[in-house]
Amino acid sequence: MKLDITCDWRGKLLARQEHVEVLLRRVEGGAQITIRAPFYGDPAPEAPPSSVPGLWEFEVVEVFIAGPGSPIPYTEIEVGPAGHHLVLTLRGVRQPTASGLPLRVEAHIDGDRWNATAFIDDSLLPPLPWRVNATSIHGLADRRAYASTAVLPGDAPDFHQPDVFLEWVD
């Protein structure tokens, strides 16, 4: 499934050079995520590429995968341009059950763009059918920018809204 991020979180169209492409596909044993995004040059975490708590405070692309049920089980997968990552499983909105989970990531910065491929194991994903969303965050302080495939209701960017995620199309 292709999840294009072409608008900010409110639905306002972004300039073409700000668009992010996320490909999510089922593969044997899990899911593969491919990211093609602009590189803004924000400072990266001061750690080697690995799992980093609070990665959402840096330049990052996030993929949310929600399953059926109540409370809604979902997985949040975050990847930064330098290969830093964070995987959380949640049961209910903002109710983490695990954090810092394994993710295989290859990331490369090429001028003003970055690309990454990540593999997440089936054991970390919710059951089908899925609802999905992709988001991106970049910028510092008052220049922080938030974008999303799905338009998000509310007065502030809140990516933890599985009810507005898109239906998975295989």
Foldseek 3Di string as FASTA:
>chain_A
DKQKFQDFLQRHGDDPLQIKIWDWDDDVFFIKIKIKGFAPPWDADPDQAAEDPPRQQAWWKKKKKWADDPQIWIKIWIADQRNHIKIFIARHQPHTPDIRDDKDKDKDDDVGMIMMMITDGPVRGDDDDIFMKMKTWHDDDPGITIIISFRDDDDDDDPRDSVRGHTDDD
